[in-house]
Amino acid sequence: MDGKLQSRSTGAPHDISNTEPLRIGNGETGCLSGKVREVRLYRGAIDPARIAGLAARRPAGEGAALNGRA
């Protein structure tokens, strides 16, 4: 969160592929009761230095287009 590692998974990678739509803020126990300011999706893992650099940049503003390219 905010460019800092919060947790780490150990062991074999998990296959989370499925045919359901991606729902951000929904979980097994309910919905997020807040706001999500920014979401970024990547095809794979990115290194800690890149994460810190991306977190340091601020979005262009409210309603900025999210295109997955950073």
N, C-alpha and C. Protein backbone atom coordinates (compact mmCIF):
# COMPACT_ATOMS: atom_id res chain seq x y z
N MET A 1 0.84 -1.15 0.00
CA MET A 1 0.00 0.00 0.00
C MET A 1 0.90 1.22 0.00
N ASP A 2 0.57 2.20 -0.84
CA ASP A 2 1.37 3.41 -0.97
C ASP A 2 2.84 3.10 -1.24
N GLY A 3 3.09 2.07 -2.06
CA GLY A 3 4.44 1.73 -2.45
C GLY A 3 5.21 0.88 -1.47
N LYS A 4 4.57 0.40 -0.42
CA LYS A 4 5.26 -0.42 0.58
C LYS A 4 4.64 -1.82 0.64
N LEU A 5 5.51 -2.83 0.73
CA LEU A 5 5.06 -4.21 0.83
C LEU A 5 4.21 -4.40 2.08
N GLN A 6 3.04 -4.98 1.93
CA GLN A 6 2.15 -5.23 3.06
C GLN A 6 2.14 -6.69 3.46
N SER A 7 2.30 -7.58 2.51
CA SER A 7 2.35 -9.00 2.82
C SER A 7 3.04 -9.73 1.67
N ARG A 8 3.35 -10.98 1.92
CA ARG A 8 4.04 -11.77 0.90
C ARG A 8 3.50 -13.19 0.98
N SER A 9 3.27 -13.78 -0.16
CA SER A 9 2.80 -15.15 -0.23
C SER A 9 3.98 -16.07 -0.43
N THR A 10 3.97 -17.20 0.26
CA THR A 10 5.04 -18.17 0.09
C THR A 10 4.45 -19.44 -0.50
N GLY A 11 5.31 -20.26 -1.03
CA GLY A 11 4.86 -21.53 -1.60
C GLY A 11 4.56 -21.40 -3.09
N ALA A 12 3.86 -22.37 -3.60
CA ALA A 12 3.55 -22.42 -5.03
C ALA A 12 2.57 -21.30 -5.41
N PRO A 13 2.71 -20.75 -6.62
CA PRO A 13 1.77 -19.73 -7.08
C PRO A 13 0.35 -20.28 -7.15
N HIS A 14 -0.60 -19.41 -6.93
CA HIS A 14 -2.00 -19.81 -6.97
C HIS A 14 -2.58 -19.49 -8.34
N ASP A 15 -3.36 -20.41 -8.88
CA ASP A 15 -4.06 -20.15 -10.14
C ASP A 15 -5.41 -19.52 -9.78
N ILE A 16 -5.55 -18.25 -10.07
CA ILE A 16 -6.81 -17.56 -9.75
C ILE A 16 -7.61 -17.25 -11.01
N SER A 17 -7.26 -17.91 -12.11
CA SER A 17 -7.99 -17.66 -13.35
C SER A 17 -9.43 -18.17 -13.21
N ASN A 18 -10.36 -17.44 -13.81
CA ASN A 18 -11.76 -17.83 -13.78
C ASN A 18 -12.50 -17.07 -14.88
N THR A 19 -13.77 -17.30 -14.99
CA THR A 19 -14.57 -16.64 -16.03
C THR A 19 -15.44 -15.51 -15.47
N GLU A 20 -15.29 -15.22 -14.19
CA GLU A 20 -16.09 -14.17 -13.55
C GLU A 20 -15.48 -12.80 -13.81
N PRO A 21 -16.28 -11.75 -13.82
CA PRO A 21 -15.73 -10.40 -13.98
C PRO A 21 -14.92 -9.98 -12.76
N LEU A 22 -13.92 -9.14 -12.97
CA LEU A 22 -13.12 -8.62 -11.87
C LEU A 22 -13.95 -7.60 -11.11
N ARG A 23 -14.07 -7.78 -9.81
CA ARG A 23 -14.83 -6.86 -8.97
C ARG A 23 -13.88 -6.34 -7.88
N ILE A 24 -13.60 -5.08 -7.94
CA ILE A 24 -12.68 -4.47 -6.98
C ILE A 24 -13.51 -3.88 -5.84
N GLY A 25 -13.19 -4.28 -4.62
CA GLY A 25 -13.92 -3.80 -3.46
C GLY A 25 -14.97 -4.76 -2.97
N ASN A 26 -15.19 -5.87 -3.68
CA ASN A 26 -16.13 -6.90 -3.25
C ASN A 26 -15.35 -8.08 -2.72
N GLY A 27 -15.86 -8.69 -1.66
CA GLY A 27 -15.18 -9.85 -1.11
C GLY A 27 -16.18 -10.85 -0.58
N GLU A 28 -15.66 -11.91 0.01
CA GLU A 28 -16.52 -12.96 0.54
C GLU A 28 -17.40 -12.47 1.67
N THR A 29 -16.94 -11.47 2.40
CA THR A 29 -17.69 -11.01 3.56
C THR A 29 -18.43 -9.69 3.34
N GLY A 30 -18.44 -9.17 2.13
CA GLY A 30 -19.17 -7.93 1.86
C GLY A 30 -18.41 -7.01 0.94
N CYS A 31 -18.83 -5.77 0.94
CA CYS A 31 -18.24 -4.76 0.06
C CYS A 31 -17.40 -3.76 0.84
N LEU A 32 -16.45 -3.16 0.18
CA LEU A 32 -15.63 -2.12 0.77
C LEU A 32 -16.52 -0.94 1.14
N SER A 33 -16.38 -0.45 2.35
CA SER A 33 -17.18 0.71 2.77
C SER A 33 -16.29 1.94 2.76
N GLY A 34 -15.86 2.32 1.59
CA GLY A 34 -14.99 3.47 1.42
C GLY A 34 -14.84 3.76 -0.06
N LYS A 35 -13.81 4.48 -0.41
CA LYS A 35 -13.56 4.84 -1.79
C LYS A 35 -12.22 4.27 -2.24
N VAL A 36 -12.16 3.86 -3.48
CA VAL A 36 -10.92 3.42 -4.10
C VAL A 36 -10.46 4.56 -4.98
N ARG A 37 -9.33 5.16 -4.64
CA ARG A 37 -8.85 6.32 -5.38
C ARG A 37 -8.19 5.93 -6.69
N GLU A 38 -7.48 4.81 -6.68
CA GLU A 38 -6.71 4.45 -7.86
C GLU A 38 -6.53 2.94 -7.92
N VAL A 39 -6.58 2.38 -9.12
CA VAL A 39 -6.36 0.95 -9.33
C VAL A 39 -5.43 0.79 -10.51
N ARG A 40 -4.44 -0.06 -10.37
CA ARG A 40 -3.53 -0.37 -11.46
C ARG A 40 -3.43 -1.89 -11.59
N LEU A 41 -3.48 -2.38 -12.81
CA LEU A 41 -3.34 -3.81 -13.07
C LEU A 41 -2.12 -4.04 -13.95
N TYR A 42 -1.38 -5.09 -13.64
CA TYR A 42 -0.19 -5.43 -14.39
C TYR A 42 -0.25 -6.90 -14.78
N ARG A 43 0.43 -7.27 -15.84
CA ARG A 43 0.44 -8.66 -16.31
C ARG A 43 1.25 -9.58 -15.42
N GLY A 44 2.11 -9.05 -14.60
CA GLY A 44 2.96 -9.87 -13.74
C GLY A 44 3.51 -9.05 -12.60
N ALA A 45 4.42 -9.66 -11.87
CA ALA A 45 5.01 -8.99 -10.72
C ALA A 45 5.91 -7.85 -11.18
N ILE A 46 5.97 -6.79 -10.39
CA ILE A 46 6.90 -5.71 -10.66
C ILE A 46 7.81 -5.56 -9.44
N ASP A 47 9.05 -5.12 -9.68
CA ASP A 47 10.02 -5.09 -8.60
C ASP A 47 9.75 -3.95 -7.62
N PRO A 48 10.26 -4.08 -6.38
CA PRO A 48 9.99 -3.08 -5.34
C PRO A 48 10.36 -1.65 -5.72
N ALA A 49 11.46 -1.46 -6.44
CA ALA A 49 11.86 -0.10 -6.83
C ALA A 49 10.82 0.52 -7.76
N ARG A 50 10.31 -0.26 -8.70
CA ARG A 50 9.28 0.25 -9.61
C ARG A 50 7.99 0.56 -8.84
N ILE A 51 7.63 -0.28 -7.91
CA ILE A 51 6.43 -0.05 -7.10
C ILE A 51 6.56 1.29 -6.36
N ALA A 52 7.72 1.52 -5.74
CA ALA A 52 7.93 2.77 -5.00
C ALA A 52 7.84 3.97 -5.95
N GLY A 53 8.43 3.86 -7.13
CA GLY A 53 8.36 4.94 -8.10
C GLY A 53 6.95 5.22 -8.56
N LEU A 54 6.18 4.18 -8.81
CA LEU A 54 4.79 4.35 -9.24
C LEU A 54 3.94 4.97 -8.13
N ALA A 55 4.20 4.57 -6.89
CA ALA A 55 3.44 5.10 -5.77
C ALA A 55 3.74 6.58 -5.54
N ALA A 56 4.94 7.00 -5.88
CA ALA A 56 5.33 8.40 -5.68
C ALA A 56 4.64 9.33 -6.67
N ARG A 57 4.26 8.79 -7.83
CA ARG A 57 3.56 9.61 -8.83
C ARG A 57 2.11 9.73 -8.45
N ARG A 58 1.55 10.87 -8.66
CA ARG A 58 0.14 11.10 -8.37
C ARG A 58 -0.67 11.01 -9.65
N PRO A 59 -1.91 10.52 -9.56
CA PRO A 59 -2.75 10.44 -10.75
C PRO A 59 -3.00 11.84 -11.33
N ALA A 60 -3.36 11.89 -12.61
CA ALA A 60 -3.58 13.16 -13.30
C ALA A 60 -4.72 13.96 -12.70
N GLY A 61 -5.62 13.33 -12.01
CA GLY A 61 -6.73 14.04 -11.38
C GLY A 61 -7.98 13.19 -11.38
N GLU A 62 -9.03 13.72 -10.81
CA GLU A 62 -10.31 12.99 -10.76
C GLU A 62 -10.73 12.62 -12.17
N GLY A 63 -11.13 11.39 -12.35
CA GLY A 63 -11.63 10.94 -13.65
C GLY A 63 -10.54 10.66 -14.67
N ALA A 64 -9.28 10.60 -14.23
CA ALA A 64 -8.21 10.32 -15.16
C ALA A 64 -8.39 8.93 -15.76
N ALA A 65 -8.07 8.79 -17.03
CA ALA A 65 -8.23 7.51 -17.71
C ALA A 65 -7.24 6.50 -17.14
N LEU A 66 -7.70 5.30 -16.91
CA LEU A 66 -6.84 4.21 -16.45
C LEU A 66 -6.63 3.28 -17.62
N ASN A 67 -5.41 3.19 -18.10
CA ASN A 67 -5.16 2.35 -19.26
C ASN A 67 -4.19 1.22 -18.98
N GLY A 68 -3.77 1.05 -17.73
CA GLY A 68 -2.89 -0.06 -17.38
C GLY A 68 -1.45 0.15 -17.78
N ARG A 69 -1.12 1.29 -18.37
CA ARG A 69 0.25 1.55 -18.78
C ARG A 69 0.87 2.56 -17.83
N ALA A 70 1.94 2.17 -17.20
CA ALA A 70 2.62 3.10 -16.28
C ALA A 70 4.11 3.05 -16.51
